[in-house]
């Protein structure tokens, strides 16, 4: 299948308010150890905390930290790519799922591409259904039941408890959960407290516009599939992941702002560097990024066989770097053109 013009490999799914206070997102896209919950449109309700901690986790998601300045400019020109043949056009847009208010990215080529499309494709369609939320809650709990803090070395446990205290959470708040879940929670809750939210994220805005147009919406994965990717990781990998997140916890908010500014400027290669330069676990990279990018490239190749115009919006980390979706398409002799 031929596609138009030459391509570049650039580009980038949230979490808990933990226990039923509303959706915070769990990131399946951003593999950087420091910020695992910024770039993934996984619309999850994960009411999986131990019952006594529910109110505390809900409060932590909404209480205020000392404010940090919002990303510098409100105007954004994030990266956009195009794949096309004689009767099919596929737009590739890298998203950030949780954003502060006021960032204006829906303009220019992005507006034109979306409004010319007949189908919206995202990583998942809807995780807010009760059955999905219940299934995800079960997956995020330790099975067989065990105490998370008892699985940590003294230094990591101390850092973990300190981080929970910073968030206004009791030490036992995440005891019933798997290590991966705790890592994602600690990467997301500070952002929610700073005013970042899914309602400002790219997917939420696209979904609103798609619904207004009665636009068909397709998911590349299901919420359960995404959570199972984390849950399938070996226990020692999950614990190591949590330990790495704890190391960078104090700098989380500043690093998020830098990444958002880079995304806003359309600097996809730089975004890939910021996200993945310190990611040293090959299993995490394979399971959460490379294998999924290969699967999505296969889906895109099949979709090119059907006429129409499709707007594909996935976490920006999937559209950046040497293992990006674009690189996987290039391996299938499908060319990609950078539009913005």
C-alpha atoms as a PDB file:
ATOM      1  CA  UNK A   1       0.000   0.000   0.000  1.00  0.00           C
ATOM      2  CA  UNK A   2       1.486   3.328  -0.983  1.00  0.00           C
ATOM      3  CA  UNK A   3       1.016   6.440   1.048  1.00  0.00           C
ATOM      4  CA  UNK A   4       1.809  10.012   0.313  1.00  0.00           C
ATOM      5  CA  UNK A   5       5.146  11.750   0.780  1.00  0.00           C
ATOM      6  CA  UNK A   6       7.976  11.192   3.190  1.00  0.00           C
ATOM      7  CA  UNK A   7       7.578  10.716   6.894  1.00  0.00           C
ATOM      8  CA  UNK A   8       9.236  11.738  10.083  1.00  0.00           C
ATOM      9  CA  UNK A   9       9.201   9.785  13.306  1.00  0.00           C
ATOM     10  CA  UNK A  10       7.876  12.208  15.874  1.00  0.00           C
ATOM     11  CA  UNK A  11       5.033  12.757  18.379  1.00  0.00           C
ATOM     12  CA  UNK A  12       2.861  10.885  22.140  1.00  0.00           C
ATOM     13  CA  UNK A  13      -3.060   7.492  27.370  1.00  0.00           C
ATOM     14  CA  UNK A  14      -5.030   8.173  33.720  1.00  0.00           C
ATOM     15  CA  UNK A  15      -5.759   7.340  37.023  1.00  0.00           C
ATOM     16  CA  UNK A  16      -7.487   7.315  40.078  1.00  0.00           C
ATOM     17  CA  UNK A  17      -9.042   9.661  42.046  1.00  0.00           C
ATOM     18  CA  UNK A  18      -8.691   6.433  43.342  1.00  0.00           C
ATOM     19  CA  UNK A  19     -11.830   5.470  45.004  1.00  0.00           C
ATOM     20  CA  UNK A  20     -14.858   6.703  43.228  1.00  0.00           C
ATOM     21  CA  UNK A  21     -14.469  10.472  43.445  1.00  0.00           C
ATOM     22  CA  UNK A  22     -14.185  10.808  39.715  1.00  0.00           C
ATOM     23  CA  UNK A  23     -11.917   9.827  36.870  1.00  0.00           C
ATOM     24  CA  UNK A  24      -8.242  10.553  37.002  1.00  0.00           C
ATOM     25  CA  UNK A  25      -6.330   8.973  34.234  1.00  0.00           C
ATOM     26  CA  UNK A  26      -3.940   6.161  34.033  1.00  0.00           C
ATOM     27  CA  UNK A  27      -1.215   6.564  31.502  1.00  0.00           C
ATOM     28  CA  UNK A  28      -0.379   3.680  29.268  1.00  0.00           C
ATOM     29  CA  UNK A  29       1.617   5.675  26.789  1.00  0.00           C
ATOM     30  CA  UNK A  30       4.176   7.668  28.582  1.00  0.00           C
ATOM     31  CA  UNK A  31       6.853   5.245  29.715  1.00  0.00           C
ATOM     32  CA  UNK A  32       9.194   7.771  31.246  1.00  0.00           C
ATOM     33  CA  UNK A  33       9.722   6.715  34.837  1.00  0.00           C
ATOM     34  CA  UNK A  34       8.913  10.156  36.169  1.00  0.00           C
ATOM     35  CA  UNK A  35       5.534  10.847  34.614  1.00  0.00           C
ATOM     36  CA  UNK A  36       3.548   7.720  33.799  1.00  0.00           C
ATOM     37  CA  UNK A  37       0.156   9.389  33.687  1.00  0.00           C
ATOM     38  CA  UNK A  38       0.292  12.368  31.399  1.00  0.00           C
ATOM     39  CA  UNK A  39      -0.039  11.157  27.858  1.00  0.00           C
ATOM     40  CA  UNK A  40      -2.628   8.394  27.913  1.00  0.00           C
ATOM     41  CA  UNK A  41      -6.318   8.641  27.064  1.00  0.00           C
ATOM     42  CA  UNK A  42      -7.287   5.826  29.347  1.00  0.00           C
ATOM     43  CA  UNK A  43     -10.591   7.063  30.752  1.00  0.00           C
ATOM     44  CA  UNK A  44     -10.670   4.983  33.871  1.00  0.00           C
ATOM     45  CA  UNK A  45     -12.572   4.953  37.067  1.00  0.00           C
ATOM     46  CA  UNK A  46     -10.456   2.879  39.412  1.00  0.00           C
ATOM     47  CA  UNK A  47     -12.330   2.628  42.698  1.00  0.00           C
ATOM     48  CA  UNK A  48      -9.868   0.067  44.001  1.00  0.00           C
ATOM     49  CA  UNK A  49      -8.468   1.555  47.178  1.00  0.00           C
ATOM     50  CA  UNK A  50      -9.148  -0.053  50.513  1.00  0.00           C
ATOM     51  CA  UNK A  51     -12.472   1.220  51.828  1.00  0.00           C
ATOM     52  CA  UNK A  52     -11.092   3.157  54.841  1.00  0.00           C
ATOM     53  CA  UNK A  53      -8.893   5.234  52.540  1.00  0.00           C
ATOM     54  CA  UNK A  54     -11.555   6.263  50.034  1.00  0.00           C
ATOM     55  CA  UNK A  55     -12.378   9.666  51.478  1.00  0.00           C
ATOM     56  CA  UNK A  56      -8.709  10.515  51.952  1.00  0.00           C
ATOM     57  CA  UNK A  57      -7.815   9.687  48.352  1.00  0.00           C
ATOM     58  CA  UNK A  58     -10.765  11.680  47.057  1.00  0.00           C
ATOM     59  CA  UNK A  59      -9.665  14.649  49.134  1.00  0.00           C
ATOM     60  CA  UNK A  60      -6.071  14.328  47.901  1.00  0.00           C
ATOM     61  CA  UNK A  61      -7.231  14.627  44.319  1.00  0.00           C
ATOM     62  CA  UNK A  62      -8.890  17.974  44.933  1.00  0.00           C
ATOM     63  CA  UNK A  63      -6.962  19.686  47.730  1.00  0.00           C
ATOM     64  CA  UNK A  64      -4.461  22.365  46.792  1.00  0.00           C
ATOM     65  CA  UNK A  65      -0.697  22.203  46.703  1.00  0.00           C
ATOM     66  CA  UNK A  66       1.395  25.324  46.467  1.00  0.00           C
ATOM     67  CA  UNK A  67       0.582  26.536  42.947  1.00  0.00           C
ATOM     68  CA  UNK A  68       3.017  26.148  40.102  1.00  0.00           C
ATOM     69  CA  UNK A  69       2.959  28.378  37.056  1.00  0.00           C
ATOM     70  CA  UNK A  70       0.959  27.046  34.121  1.00  0.00           C
ATOM     71  CA  UNK A  71       2.738  26.281  30.849  1.00  0.00           C
ATOM     72  CA  UNK A  72       3.955  29.532  29.383  1.00  0.00           C
ATOM     73  CA  UNK A  73       1.798  30.114  26.308  1.00  0.00           C
ATOM     74  CA  UNK A  74      -1.877  29.337  25.731  1.00  0.00           C
ATOM     75  CA  UNK A  75      -1.386  28.909  21.973  1.00  0.00           C
ATOM     76  CA  UNK A  76      -0.258  25.479  20.805  1.00  0.00           C
ATOM     77  CA  UNK A  77       0.696  23.892  17.485  1.00  0.00           C
ATOM     78  CA  UNK A  78       1.190  20.209  18.373  1.00  0.00           C
ATOM     79  CA  UNK A  79       2.418  17.752  15.758  1.00  0.00           C
ATOM     80  CA  UNK A  80       0.117  16.234  13.143  1.00  0.00           C
ATOM     81  CA  UNK A  81       0.850  13.621  10.464  1.00  0.00           C
ATOM     82  CA  UNK A  82      -0.943  12.253   7.424  1.00  0.00           C
ATOM     83  CA  UNK A  83      -1.046   8.832   5.787  1.00  0.00           C
ATOM     84  CA  UNK A  84      -2.950   8.587   2.526  1.00  0.00           C
ATOM     85  CA  UNK A  85      -3.553   6.622  -0.660  1.00  0.00           C
ATOM     86  CA  UNK A  86      -5.937   7.255  -3.540  1.00  0.00           C
ATOM     87  CA  UNK A  87      -9.154   6.836  -1.515  1.00  0.00           C
ATOM     88  CA  UNK A  88      -8.127   6.869   2.157  1.00  0.00           C
ATOM     89  CA  UNK A  89      -6.711   9.527   4.464  1.00  0.00           C
ATOM     90  CA  UNK A  90      -5.567   8.830   8.007  1.00  0.00           C
ATOM     91  CA  UNK A  91      -4.530  11.673  10.301  1.00  0.00           C
ATOM     92  CA  UNK A  92      -2.218  10.876  13.219  1.00  0.00           C
ATOM     93  CA  UNK A  93      -2.393  13.239  16.178  1.00  0.00           C
ATOM     94  CA  UNK A  94      -0.436  12.832  19.427  1.00  0.00           C
ATOM     95  CA  UNK A  95      -2.415  13.790  22.510  1.00  0.00           C
ATOM     96  CA  UNK A  96      -1.881  14.802  26.102  1.00  0.00           C
ATOM     97  CA  UNK A  97      -4.671  13.531  28.245  1.00  0.00           C
ATOM     98  CA  UNK A  98      -4.633  15.847  31.234  1.00  0.00           C
ATOM     99  CA  UNK A  99      -3.933  19.532  30.713  1.00  0.00           C
ATOM    100  CA  UNK A 100      -4.317  22.779  32.623  1.00  0.00           C
ATOM    101  CA  UNK A 101      -7.116  25.036  31.397  1.00  0.00           C
ATOM    102  CA  UNK A 102      -6.649  27.558  28.641  1.00  0.00           C
ATOM    103  CA  UNK A 103      -4.376  25.804  26.133  1.00  0.00           C
ATOM    104  CA  UNK A 104      -5.687  26.471  22.616  1.00  0.00           C
ATOM    105  CA  UNK A 105      -4.572  23.649  20.302  1.00  0.00           C
ATOM    106  CA  UNK A 106      -7.705  23.102  18.181  1.00  0.00           C
ATOM    107  CA  UNK A 107      -6.879  25.339  15.236  1.00  0.00           C
ATOM    108  CA  UNK A 108      -5.356  25.390  11.767  1.00  0.00           C
ATOM    109  CA  UNK A 109      -4.470  22.017  10.200  1.00  0.00           C
ATOM    110  CA  UNK A 110      -5.799  20.105  13.220  1.00  0.00           C
ATOM    111  CA  UNK A 111      -9.238  21.697  12.904  1.00  0.00           C
ATOM    112  CA  UNK A 112      -9.277  21.142   9.159  1.00  0.00           C
ATOM    113  CA  UNK A 113      -8.224  17.507   9.486  1.00  0.00           C
ATOM    114  CA  UNK A 114     -10.742  16.674  12.197  1.00  0.00           C
ATOM    115  CA  UNK A 115     -13.655  18.381  10.518  1.00  0.00           C
ATOM    116  CA  UNK A 116     -12.883  16.616   7.237  1.00  0.00           C
ATOM    117  CA  UNK A 117     -12.804  13.201   8.947  1.00  0.00           C
ATOM    118  CA  UNK A 118     -15.687  10.755   9.088  1.00  0.00           C
ATOM    119  CA  UNK A 119     -14.414   8.626  12.012  1.00  0.00           C
ATOM    120  CA  UNK A 120     -12.592   9.309  15.278  1.00  0.00           C
ATOM    121  CA  UNK A 121     -10.172   6.667  16.538  1.00  0.00           C
ATOM    122  CA  UNK A 122      -8.689   6.776  20.047  1.00  0.00           C
ATOM    123  CA  UNK A 123      -6.948   4.243  22.233  1.00  0.00           C
ATOM    124  CA  UNK A 124     -10.184   3.349  24.025  1.00  0.00           C
ATOM    125  CA  UNK A 125     -13.818   4.339  23.634  1.00  0.00           C
ATOM    126  CA  UNK A 126     -15.375   4.462  27.083  1.00  0.00           C
ATOM    127  CA  UNK A 127     -14.120   3.170  30.422  1.00  0.00           C
ATOM    128  CA  UNK A 128     -16.841   4.787  32.473  1.00  0.00           C
ATOM    129  CA  UNK A 129     -19.303   1.945  32.138  1.00  0.00           C
ATOM    130  CA  UNK A 130     -19.911   0.266  35.523  1.00  0.00           C
ATOM    131  CA  UNK A 131     -18.815  -3.155  34.295  1.00  0.00           C
ATOM    132  CA  UNK A 132     -15.504  -1.807  33.002  1.00  0.00           C
ATOM    133  CA  UNK A 133     -14.855   0.173  36.171  1.00  0.00           C
ATOM    134  CA  UNK A 134     -15.555  -2.889  38.320  1.00  0.00           C
ATOM    135  CA  UNK A 135     -13.261  -5.077  36.236  1.00  0.00           C
ATOM    136  CA  UNK A 136     -10.449  -2.525  36.373  1.00  0.00           C
ATOM    137  CA  UNK A 137     -10.872  -2.131  40.121  1.00  0.00           C
ATOM    138  CA  UNK A 138     -10.367  -5.859  40.563  1.00  0.00           C
ATOM    139  CA  UNK A 139      -7.267  -5.878  38.386  1.00  0.00           C
ATOM    140  CA  UNK A 140      -5.643  -3.034  40.317  1.00  0.00           C
ATOM    141  CA  UNK A 141      -5.960  -4.898  43.628  1.00  0.00           C
ATOM    142  CA  UNK A 142      -3.212  -7.219  44.772  1.00  0.00           C
ATOM    143  CA  UNK A 143      -4.084 -10.830  44.012  1.00  0.00           C
ATOM    144  CA  UNK A 144      -3.551 -12.743  46.230  1.00  0.00           C
ATOM    145  CA  UNK A 145      -4.121 -10.023  48.824  1.00  0.00           C
ATOM    146  CA  UNK A 146      -0.934  -8.610  50.290  1.00  0.00           C
ATOM    147  CA  UNK A 147       0.278  -5.405  51.894  1.00  0.00           C
ATOM    148  CA  UNK A 148       2.103  -3.224  49.378  1.00  0.00           C
ATOM    149  CA  UNK A 149       4.356  -1.483  51.894  1.00  0.00           C
ATOM    150  CA  UNK A 150       5.543  -4.820  53.270  1.00  0.00           C
ATOM    151  CA  UNK A 151       6.967  -5.609  49.815  1.00  0.00           C
ATOM    152  CA  UNK A 152       9.235  -2.565  49.745  1.00  0.00           C
ATOM    153  CA  UNK A 153      12.771  -2.129  51.037  1.00  0.00           C
ATOM    154  CA  UNK A 154      13.056   0.185  54.051  1.00  0.00           C
ATOM    155  CA  UNK A 155      14.342   3.106  51.947  1.00  0.00           C
ATOM    156  CA  UNK A 156      11.650   2.745  49.291  1.00  0.00           C
ATOM    157  CA  UNK A 157       8.950   2.277  51.916  1.00  0.00           C
ATOM    158  CA  UNK A 158      10.057   5.453  53.687  1.00  0.00           C
ATOM    159  CA  UNK A 159      10.014   7.410  50.411  1.00  0.00           C
ATOM    160  CA  UNK A 160       6.603   5.947  49.567  1.00  0.00           C
ATOM    161  CA  UNK A 161       5.114   6.951  52.915  1.00  0.00           C
ATOM    162  CA  UNK A 162       6.633  10.412  52.622  1.00  0.00           C
ATOM    163  CA  UNK A 163       5.079  10.853  49.173  1.00  0.00           C
ATOM    164  CA  UNK A 164       1.681   9.762  50.487  1.00  0.00           C
ATOM    165  CA  UNK A 165       1.992  12.244  53.339  1.00  0.00           C
ATOM    166  CA  UNK A 166       2.801  15.007  50.844  1.00  0.00           C
ATOM    167  CA  UNK A 167      -0.493  14.189  49.123  1.00  0.00           C
ATOM    168  CA  UNK A 168      -2.396  14.225  52.397  1.00  0.00           C
ATOM    169  CA  UNK A 169      -2.935  10.464  52.259  1.00  0.00           C
ATOM    170  CA  UNK A 170      -2.620   7.991  55.128  1.00  0.00           C
ATOM    171  CA  UNK A 171       0.200   5.468  54.985  1.00  0.00           C
ATOM    172  CA  UNK A 172      -2.251   2.638  54.318  1.00  0.00           C
ATOM    173  CA  UNK A 173      -4.063   4.375  51.450  1.00  0.00           C
ATOM    174  CA  UNK A 174      -2.697   2.080  48.731  1.00  0.00           C
ATOM    175  CA  UNK A 175      -1.795  -0.982  50.772  1.00  0.00           C
ATOM    176  CA  UNK A 176      -4.337  -3.143  48.951  1.00  0.00           C
ATOM    177  CA  UNK A 177      -3.097  -2.213  45.475  1.00  0.00           C
ATOM    178  CA  UNK A 178      -0.425  -3.497  43.126  1.00  0.00           C
ATOM    179  CA  UNK A 179       2.858  -1.553  42.872  1.00  0.00           C
ATOM    180  CA  UNK A 180       2.136  -0.356  39.318  1.00  0.00           C
ATOM    181  CA  UNK A 181      -1.093   1.239  40.490  1.00  0.00           C
ATOM    182  CA  UNK A 182       0.656   3.068  43.306  1.00  0.00           C
ATOM    183  CA  UNK A 183       3.269   4.363  40.856  1.00  0.00           C
ATOM    184  CA  UNK A 184       0.638   5.738  38.521  1.00  0.00           C
ATOM    185  CA  UNK A 185      -1.335   7.256  41.401  1.00  0.00           C
ATOM    186  CA  UNK A 186       1.701   9.127  42.675  1.00  0.00           C
ATOM    187  CA  UNK A 187       2.399  10.388  39.163  1.00  0.00           C
ATOM    188  CA  UNK A 188      -1.097  11.743  38.651  1.00  0.00           C
ATOM    189  CA  UNK A 189      -2.530  13.084  41.886  1.00  0.00           C
ATOM    190  CA  UNK A 190      -0.095  16.044  42.143  1.00  0.00           C
ATOM    191  CA  UNK A 191      -1.174  17.161  38.671  1.00  0.00           C
ATOM    192  CA  UNK A 192      -4.840  16.963  39.579  1.00  0.00           C
ATOM    193  CA  UNK A 193      -4.144  19.090  42.632  1.00  0.00           C
ATOM    194  CA  UNK A 194      -2.482  21.662  40.383  1.00  0.00           C
ATOM    195  CA  UNK A 195      -5.627  22.006  38.283  1.00  0.00           C
ATOM    196  CA  UNK A 196      -4.704  19.630  35.478  1.00  0.00           C
ATOM    197  CA  UNK A 197      -7.729  17.645  34.440  1.00  0.00           C
ATOM    198  CA  UNK A 198      -9.178  15.250  31.922  1.00  0.00           C
ATOM    199  CA  UNK A 199     -11.837  17.821  31.073  1.00  0.00           C
ATOM    200  CA  UNK A 200      -9.070  19.976  29.588  1.00  0.00           C
ATOM    201  CA  UNK A 201      -7.354  17.066  27.866  1.00  0.00           C
ATOM    202  CA  UNK A 202      -7.243  16.530  24.139  1.00  0.00           C
ATOM    203  CA  UNK A 203      -9.440  13.431  24.088  1.00  0.00           C
ATOM    204  CA  UNK A 204     -12.235  15.066  26.053  1.00  0.00           C
ATOM    205  CA  UNK A 205     -12.413  17.920  23.577  1.00  0.00           C
ATOM    206  CA  UNK A 206     -12.294  15.645  20.561  1.00  0.00           C
ATOM    207  CA  UNK A 207     -14.984  13.387  22.005  1.00  0.00           C
ATOM    208  CA  UNK A 208     -17.241  16.367  22.637  1.00  0.00           C
ATOM    209  CA  UNK A 209     -16.866  17.537  19.053  1.00  0.00           C
ATOM    210  CA  UNK A 210     -17.356  14.020  17.708  1.00  0.00           C
ATOM    211  CA  UNK A 211     -20.583  13.562  19.674  1.00  0.00           C
ATOM    212  CA  UNK A 212     -21.899  16.893  18.437  1.00  0.00           C
ATOM    213  CA  UNK A 213     -21.438  15.603  14.888  1.00  0.00           C
ATOM    214  CA  UNK A 214     -22.690  12.058  15.621  1.00  0.00           C
ATOM    215  CA  UNK A 215     -19.266  11.000  14.406  1.00  0.00           C
ATOM    216  CA  UNK A 216     -18.443   7.268  14.675  1.00  0.00           C
ATOM    217  CA  UNK A 217     -15.868   6.530  17.367  1.00  0.00           C
ATOM    218  CA  UNK A 218     -13.569   3.485  17.354  1.00  0.00           C
ATOM    219  CA  UNK A 219     -11.181   2.255  20.051  1.00  0.00           C
ATOM    220  CA  UNK A 220      -7.893   0.511  19.335  1.00  0.00           C
ATOM    221  CA  UNK A 221      -7.992  -1.207  22.737  1.00  0.00           C
ATOM    222  CA  UNK A 222     -10.266  -1.687  25.745  1.00  0.00           C
ATOM    223  CA  UNK A 223      -9.703  -0.294  29.250  1.00  0.00           C
ATOM    224  CA  UNK A 224      -9.271  -3.809  30.578  1.00  0.00           C
ATOM    225  CA  UNK A 225      -6.604  -4.547  27.981  1.00  0.00           C
ATOM    226  CA  UNK A 226      -4.654  -1.477  28.967  1.00  0.00           C
ATOM    227  CA  UNK A 227      -4.708  -2.180  32.682  1.00  0.00           C
ATOM    228  CA  UNK A 228      -3.793  -5.819  32.101  1.00  0.00           C
ATOM    229  CA  UNK A 229      -0.623  -4.636  30.358  1.00  0.00           C
ATOM    230  CA  UNK A 230       0.597  -3.116  33.614  1.00  0.00           C
ATOM    231  CA  UNK A 231      -0.802  -5.913  35.737  1.00  0.00           C
ATOM    232  CA  UNK A 232       0.962  -8.547  33.634  1.00  0.00           C
ATOM    233  CA  UNK A 233       4.388  -7.109  34.420  1.00  0.00           C
ATOM    234  CA  UNK A 234       6.500  -9.234  36.777  1.00  0.00           C
ATOM    235  CA  UNK A 235       6.156  -8.168  40.388  1.00  0.00           C
ATOM    236  CA  UNK A 236       9.813  -7.169  40.645  1.00  0.00           C
ATOM    237  CA  UNK A 237       9.407  -4.920  37.599  1.00  0.00           C
ATOM    238  CA  UNK A 238       6.406  -3.235  39.179  1.00  0.00           C
ATOM    239  CA  UNK A 239       8.274  -2.605  42.423  1.00  0.00           C
ATOM    240  CA  UNK A 240      11.272  -1.216  40.539  1.00  0.00           C
ATOM    241  CA  UNK A 241       8.919   1.032  38.574  1.00  0.00           C
ATOM    242  CA  UNK A 242       7.418   2.396  41.782  1.00  0.00           C
ATOM    243  CA  UNK A 243      10.891   3.016  43.198  1.00  0.00           C
ATOM    244  CA  UNK A 244      11.899   4.990  40.103  1.00  0.00           C
ATOM    245  CA  UNK A 245       8.744   7.096  40.271  1.00  0.00           C
ATOM    246  CA  UNK A 246       9.480   7.882  43.904  1.00  0.00           C
ATOM    247  CA  UNK A 247      12.984   9.088  43.013  1.00  0.00           C
ATOM    248  CA  UNK A 248      11.602  11.704  40.672  1.00  0.00           C
ATOM    249  CA  UNK A 249       8.447  12.551  42.640  1.00  0.00           C
ATOM    250  CA  UNK A 250       9.770  15.927  43.914  1.00  0.00           C
ATOM    251  CA  UNK A 251      10.385  17.172  40.345  1.00  0.00           C
ATOM    252  CA  UNK A 252       7.204  15.817  38.771  1.00  0.00           C
ATOM    253  CA  UNK A 253       5.353  19.085  38.303  1.00  0.00           C
ATOM    254  CA  UNK A 254       8.234  20.980  36.713  1.00  0.00           C
ATOM    255  CA  UNK A 255       8.949  18.113  34.319  1.00  0.00           C
ATOM    256  CA  UNK A 256       5.305  17.940  33.303  1.00  0.00           C
ATOM    257  CA  UNK A 257       5.327  21.622  32.443  1.00  0.00           C
ATOM    258  CA  UNK A 258       8.432  21.174  30.295  1.00  0.00           C
ATOM    259  CA  UNK A 259       6.845  18.292  28.417  1.00  0.00           C
ATOM    260  CA  UNK A 260       3.609  20.181  27.818  1.00  0.00           C
ATOM    261  CA  UNK A 261       5.524  23.174  26.468  1.00  0.00           C
ATOM    262  CA  UNK A 262       7.442  20.829  24.159  1.00  0.00           C
ATOM    263  CA  UNK A 263       4.201  19.205  22.959  1.00  0.00           C
ATOM    264  CA  UNK A 264       2.629  22.617  22.393  1.00  0.00           C
ATOM    265  CA  UNK A 265       5.555  23.634  20.196  1.00  0.00           C
ATOM    266  CA  UNK A 266       5.243  20.493  18.067  1.00  0.00           C
ATOM    267  CA  UNK A 267       8.766  19.346  18.974  1.00  0.00           C
ATOM    268  CA  UNK A 268       8.027  15.656  18.758  1.00  0.00           C
ATOM    269  CA  UNK A 269      11.615  14.441  18.703  1.00  0.00           C
ATOM    270  CA  UNK A 270      12.441  16.530  21.762  1.00  0.00           C
ATOM    271  CA  UNK A 271       9.341  15.182  23.469  1.00  0.00           C
ATOM    272  CA  UNK A 272      10.545  11.643  22.784  1.00  0.00           C
ATOM    273  CA  UNK A 273      13.887  12.494  24.351  1.00  0.00           C
ATOM    274  CA  UNK A 274      12.282  13.962  27.458  1.00  0.00           C
ATOM    275  CA  UNK A 275       9.987  10.999  27.840  1.00  0.00           C
ATOM    276  CA  UNK A 276      12.242   8.066  27.158  1.00  0.00           C
ATOM    277  CA  UNK A 277      15.850   9.107  27.664  1.00  0.00           C
ATOM    278  CA  UNK A 278      16.012   7.588  31.144  1.00  0.00           C
ATOM    279  CA  UNK A 279      13.763   4.603  30.500  1.00  0.00           C
ATOM    280  CA  UNK A 280      16.089   1.651  30.986  1.00  0.00           C
ATOM    281  CA  UNK A 281      13.692  -1.259  31.475  1.00  0.00           C
ATOM    282  CA  UNK A 282      13.381  -3.091  28.134  1.00  0.00           C
ATOM    283  CA  UNK A 283      10.360  -5.074  29.320  1.00  0.00           C
ATOM    284  CA  UNK A 284       8.397  -1.918  30.112  1.00  0.00           C
ATOM    285  CA  UNK A 285       9.293  -0.499  26.715  1.00  0.00           C
ATOM    286  CA  UNK A 286       8.301  -3.690  24.914  1.00  0.00           C
ATOM    287  CA  UNK A 287       5.005  -4.304  26.700  1.00  0.00           C
ATOM    288  CA  UNK A 288       3.719  -0.754  27.056  1.00  0.00           C
ATOM    289  CA  UNK A 289       5.088   0.882  23.915  1.00  0.00           C
ATOM    290  CA  UNK A 290       6.750  -1.172  21.179  1.00  0.00           C
ATOM    291  CA  UNK A 291       4.301  -4.083  20.991  1.00  0.00           C
ATOM    292  CA  UNK A 292       1.322  -1.744  21.002  1.00  0.00           C
ATOM    293  CA  UNK A 293       2.828   0.501  18.318  1.00  0.00           C
ATOM    294  CA  UNK A 294       3.340  -2.561  16.127  1.00  0.00           C
ATOM    295  CA  UNK A 295      -0.264  -3.646  16.656  1.00  0.00           C
ATOM    296  CA  UNK A 296      -1.590  -0.191  15.838  1.00  0.00           C
ATOM    297  CA  UNK A 297       0.533   0.022  12.709  1.00  0.00           C
ATOM    298  CA  UNK A 298      -1.081  -3.229  11.591  1.00  0.00           C
ATOM    299  CA  UNK A 299      -4.519  -1.761  12.268  1.00  0.00           C
ATOM    300  CA  UNK A 300      -3.658   1.338  10.247  1.00  0.00           C
ATOM    301  CA  UNK A 301      -2.372  -0.764   7.368  1.00  0.00           C
ATOM    302  CA  UNK A 302      -5.676  -2.640   7.240  1.00  0.00           C
ATOM    303  CA  UNK A 303      -7.664   0.590   7.550  1.00  0.00           C
ATOM    304  CA  UNK A 304      -5.912   1.958   4.459  1.00  0.00           C
ATOM    305  CA  UNK A 305      -7.688  -0.743   2.475  1.00  0.00           C
ATOM    306  CA  UNK A 306     -11.015   0.965   3.198  1.00  0.00           C
ATOM    307  CA  UNK A 307     -12.029   4.338   1.717  1.00  0.00           C
ATOM    308  CA  UNK A 308     -12.687   7.287   3.999  1.00  0.00           C
ATOM    309  CA  UNK A 309     -10.998   9.831   6.256  1.00  0.00           C
ATOM    310  CA  UNK A 310     -10.015   8.863   9.785  1.00  0.00           C
ATOM    311  CA  UNK A 311      -8.697  11.009  12.625  1.00  0.00           C
ATOM    312  CA  UNK A 312      -6.509   8.901  14.921  1.00  0.00           C
ATOM    313  CA  UNK A 313      -5.668  10.493  18.284  1.00  0.00           C
ATOM    314  CA  UNK A 314      -3.335   8.516  20.560  1.00  0.00           C
ATOM    315  CA  UNK A 315      -0.934   9.406  23.321  1.00  0.00           C
ATOM    316  CA  UNK A 316       1.897  11.516  21.936  1.00  0.00           C
ATOM    317  CA  UNK A 317       4.542   9.082  23.204  1.00  0.00           C
ATOM    318  CA  UNK A 318       3.361   6.556  20.633  1.00  0.00           C
ATOM    319  CA  UNK A 319       4.141   9.005  17.828  1.00  0.00           C
ATOM    320  CA  UNK A 320       7.665   9.853  18.927  1.00  0.00           C
ATOM    321  CA  UNK A 321      11.053   8.209  18.790  1.00  0.00           C
ATOM    322  CA  UNK A 322      12.681   5.231  17.125  1.00  0.00           C
ATOM    323  CA  UNK A 323       9.893   2.765  17.967  1.00  0.00           C
ATOM    324  CA  UNK A 324       7.007   5.088  17.084  1.00  0.00           C
ATOM    325  CA  UNK A 325       3.925   4.147  15.118  1.00  0.00           C
ATOM    326  CA  UNK A 326       5.444   6.017  12.183  1.00  0.00           C
ATOM    327  CA  UNK A 327       8.579   3.877  12.368  1.00  0.00           C
ATOM    328  CA  UNK A 328       6.443   0.734  12.413  1.00  0.00           C
ATOM    329  CA  UNK A 329       4.547   1.990   9.365  1.00  0.00           C
ATOM    330  CA  UNK A 330       7.822   2.696   7.579  1.00  0.00           C
ATOM    331  CA  UNK A 331       8.764  -0.940   8.171  1.00  0.00           C
ATOM    332  CA  UNK A 332       5.580  -1.871   6.309  1.00  0.00           C
ATOM    333  CA  UNK A 333       6.536   0.412   3.420  1.00  0.00           C
ATOM    334  CA  UNK A 334       3.890   2.965   4.373  1.00  0.00           C
ATOM    335  CA  UNK A 335       5.040   6.565   4.256  1.00  0.00           C
ATOM    336  CA  UNK A 336       3.942   9.283   6.642  1.00  0.00           C
ATOM    337  CA  UNK A 337       3.913  13.028   6.023  1.00  0.00           C
ATOM    338  CA  UNK A 338       4.396  15.630   8.755  1.00  0.00           C
ATOM    339  CA  UNK A 339       1.655  18.253   8.329  1.00  0.00           C
ATOM    340  CA  UNK A 340       2.171  20.421  11.419  1.00  0.00           C
END
